Amino acid sequence: MHWKVGDTKITKVTEIVYPEFSDVIPAATPDVVKKVGWLFPHFVTPEGALSLSIHSLIVDTPGATLIVDTCIGNGRDRDPFEVMSQLSTSYLEDMKGAGYDPDGIDYVLCTHLHLDHVGWNTQLVDGKYVPTFPNASYLMDQKELDLFGNIDENTEEDFFKIQRRVFEDSMQPVIDAGLTKPVQGPTDVCDGVRLIATPGHTPGHCSVIVESKGES
């Protein structure tokens, strides 16, 4: 799937779709969902259960190529969250099939650092996690690094246990390679692309604004 914003092309690269994933918003019961007509047929089942798409968006501008969020990643231990653990998908092959080589990505934009948004920041090569996009600058809000990079190793909460592993295999190798670029507040990334702060889901959550030829 792709579409245009002025001279900028946006391509969706899907890692996995969970046809029914209503737990993400417990209040979105079928009775509530069925009242929101535009959700059908792409975002919910005919019965009114929420669907969840895990995907990246490649933003191809005249001057740079960016990828927004990098999904879950293959072969990751996300126990006890089994539904996102030990995946084996064709994500990288699909990206290349869409015409984008990981070596040609200039920027990786991490809207936040949850497990389903940073997994392909790295890939396993000869038993070691290394940056998947070795020529890119990885941008994320400093508050995300402060939160998820300092989780107590003795935490008893399953979510934070998972997020410690996520940071170790999907963020630390990028940091060690000197590719991270922490930002604070609104940030121009390149001509026509900028980040704005949209905290709430996480403290440092960002959204991406794309503008070209009077369109946005």
Foldseek 3Di string as FASTA:
>chain_A
DWDDFAQKIKDKQWWDKAQADQVVPVVQDQVNQVVDPVCPPPAHPPSRGGMDTQIWIWIGHPVFIEIEFDFQAAQADLPPVVVSHHDDTCRQVSCVVVPDQLQRHAEYEYLAQANGGFHQCWHADPNATAGRNLNYAYEFAPVRCVVLVDQDPPDPDSRSVSSVSSCVRGPPNCVVSVRYDHDHAWADDDVQKIWHADDDVHRGGIDIGGHHPHGD
